[in-house]
Protein backbone atom coordinates (compact mmCIF):
# COMPACT_ATOMS: atom_id res chain seq x y z
CA UNK A 1 -69.78 25.05 -65.59
CA UNK A 2 -70.55 22.49 -68.25
CA UNK A 3 -72.28 19.20 -67.46
CA UNK A 4 -72.78 16.34 -69.88
CA UNK A 5 -75.40 13.60 -70.06
CA UNK A 6 -74.87 10.44 -72.09
CA UNK A 7 -77.76 9.24 -74.26
CA UNK A 8 -77.39 5.44 -74.36
CA UNK A 9 -79.59 4.93 -77.43
CA UNK A 10 -77.71 7.55 -79.50
CA UNK A 11 -74.26 6.80 -77.97
CA UNK A 12 -73.76 10.54 -77.66
CA UNK A 13 -73.16 13.13 -74.92
CA UNK A 14 -75.28 16.26 -74.62
CA UNK A 15 -73.87 19.29 -72.78
CA UNK A 16 -75.58 21.91 -70.61
CA UNK A 17 -73.90 25.18 -69.62
CA UNK A 18 -74.63 26.84 -66.26
CA UNK A 19 -73.55 30.37 -65.35
CA UNK A 20 -74.73 30.56 -61.72
CA UNK A 21 -72.45 30.13 -58.73
CA UNK A 22 -72.66 26.65 -57.19
CA UNK A 23 -71.25 24.84 -54.19
CA UNK A 24 -69.62 21.47 -54.84
CA UNK A 25 -71.55 18.86 -52.88
CA UNK A 26 -69.75 15.82 -54.26
CA UNK A 27 -66.91 15.26 -56.72
CA UNK A 28 -65.87 11.73 -57.67
CA UNK A 29 -64.27 9.99 -60.59
CA UNK A 30 -61.02 8.81 -62.09
CA UNK A 31 -57.84 10.35 -63.46
CA UNK A 32 -56.06 7.96 -65.77
CA UNK A 33 -55.02 7.72 -69.44
CA UNK A 34 -56.47 6.92 -72.82
CA UNK A 35 -54.04 6.07 -75.61
CA UNK A 36 -51.31 7.00 -73.10
CA UNK A 37 -52.64 10.59 -72.80
CA UNK A 38 -54.17 12.28 -69.73
CA UNK A 39 -57.88 11.43 -69.32
CA UNK A 40 -60.45 12.21 -66.63
CA UNK A 41 -63.95 10.94 -65.95
CA UNK A 42 -65.49 13.09 -63.22
CA UNK A 43 -69.02 13.22 -61.79
CA UNK A 44 -70.08 16.27 -59.79
CA UNK A 45 -73.11 17.17 -57.72
CA UNK A 46 -73.57 20.88 -57.16
CA UNK A 47 -76.01 23.00 -55.18
CA UNK A 48 -77.38 26.45 -55.95
CA UNK A 49 -78.46 29.26 -53.61
CA UNK A 50 -81.98 27.77 -53.26
CA UNK A 51 -80.58 24.43 -52.10
CA UNK A 52 -81.40 22.61 -55.33
CA UNK A 53 -78.78 19.92 -56.03
CA UNK A 54 -78.12 18.24 -59.35
CA UNK A 55 -75.30 16.33 -60.96
CA UNK A 56 -73.88 14.81 -64.10
CA UNK A 57 -70.57 14.25 -65.83
CA UNK A 58 -68.43 17.34 -65.29
CA UNK A 59 -66.89 18.64 -68.49
CA UNK A 60 -65.44 21.92 -67.22
CA UNK A 61 -65.78 24.37 -64.34
CA UNK A 62 -64.08 27.41 -62.83
CA UNK A 63 -63.44 27.25 -59.08
CA UNK A 64 -64.12 30.64 -57.49
CA UNK A 65 -63.14 29.89 -53.87
CA UNK A 66 -61.92 26.37 -52.99
CA UNK A 67 -62.18 22.81 -54.20
CA UNK A 68 -60.98 20.39 -51.54
CA UNK A 69 -60.29 16.88 -52.79
CA UNK A 70 -58.34 13.75 -51.96
CA UNK A 71 -56.59 11.86 -54.75
CA UNK A 72 -55.73 8.21 -54.10
CA UNK A 73 -52.97 6.79 -56.32
CA UNK A 74 -52.98 3.06 -57.05
CA UNK A 75 -50.12 0.89 -58.32
CA UNK A 76 -50.25 -0.18 -61.94
CA UNK A 77 -51.69 1.31 -65.09
CA UNK A 78 -55.32 1.82 -66.03
CA UNK A 79 -55.93 2.98 -69.59
CA UNK A 80 -59.18 3.59 -71.46
CA UNK A 81 -60.31 2.21 -74.79
CA UNK A 82 -63.34 3.19 -76.87
CA UNK A 83 -66.00 0.47 -77.02
CA UNK A 84 -68.03 0.56 -80.26
CA UNK A 85 -70.91 -1.52 -78.84
CA UNK A 86 -71.54 0.82 -75.90
CA UNK A 87 -70.19 4.07 -77.31
CA UNK A 88 -68.06 4.88 -74.25
CA UNK A 89 -64.40 4.91 -73.23
CA UNK A 90 -64.11 1.91 -70.88
CA UNK A 91 -61.36 0.79 -68.49
CA UNK A 92 -58.63 -1.39 -69.91
CA UNK A 93 -56.48 -3.02 -67.23
């Protein structure tokens, strides 16, 4: 699993890789587009065998058993556009 943390001052993401097995405690975010291409922005909280829970931006993960989720589709189009001032891809309605 790879988590990312955004450094506001540097306008840059830093990644951490984890090789343990975790249980998904919470998974939330958006699935939309950026420049008319598939784009996701997902946050995940995960727990280890000791009960420690942590979370960040989810970059990638392999599901070993199940990942139950509900996806709510809204009418209209929500795209993303890079914002130079903030350094992030923000919603563009």
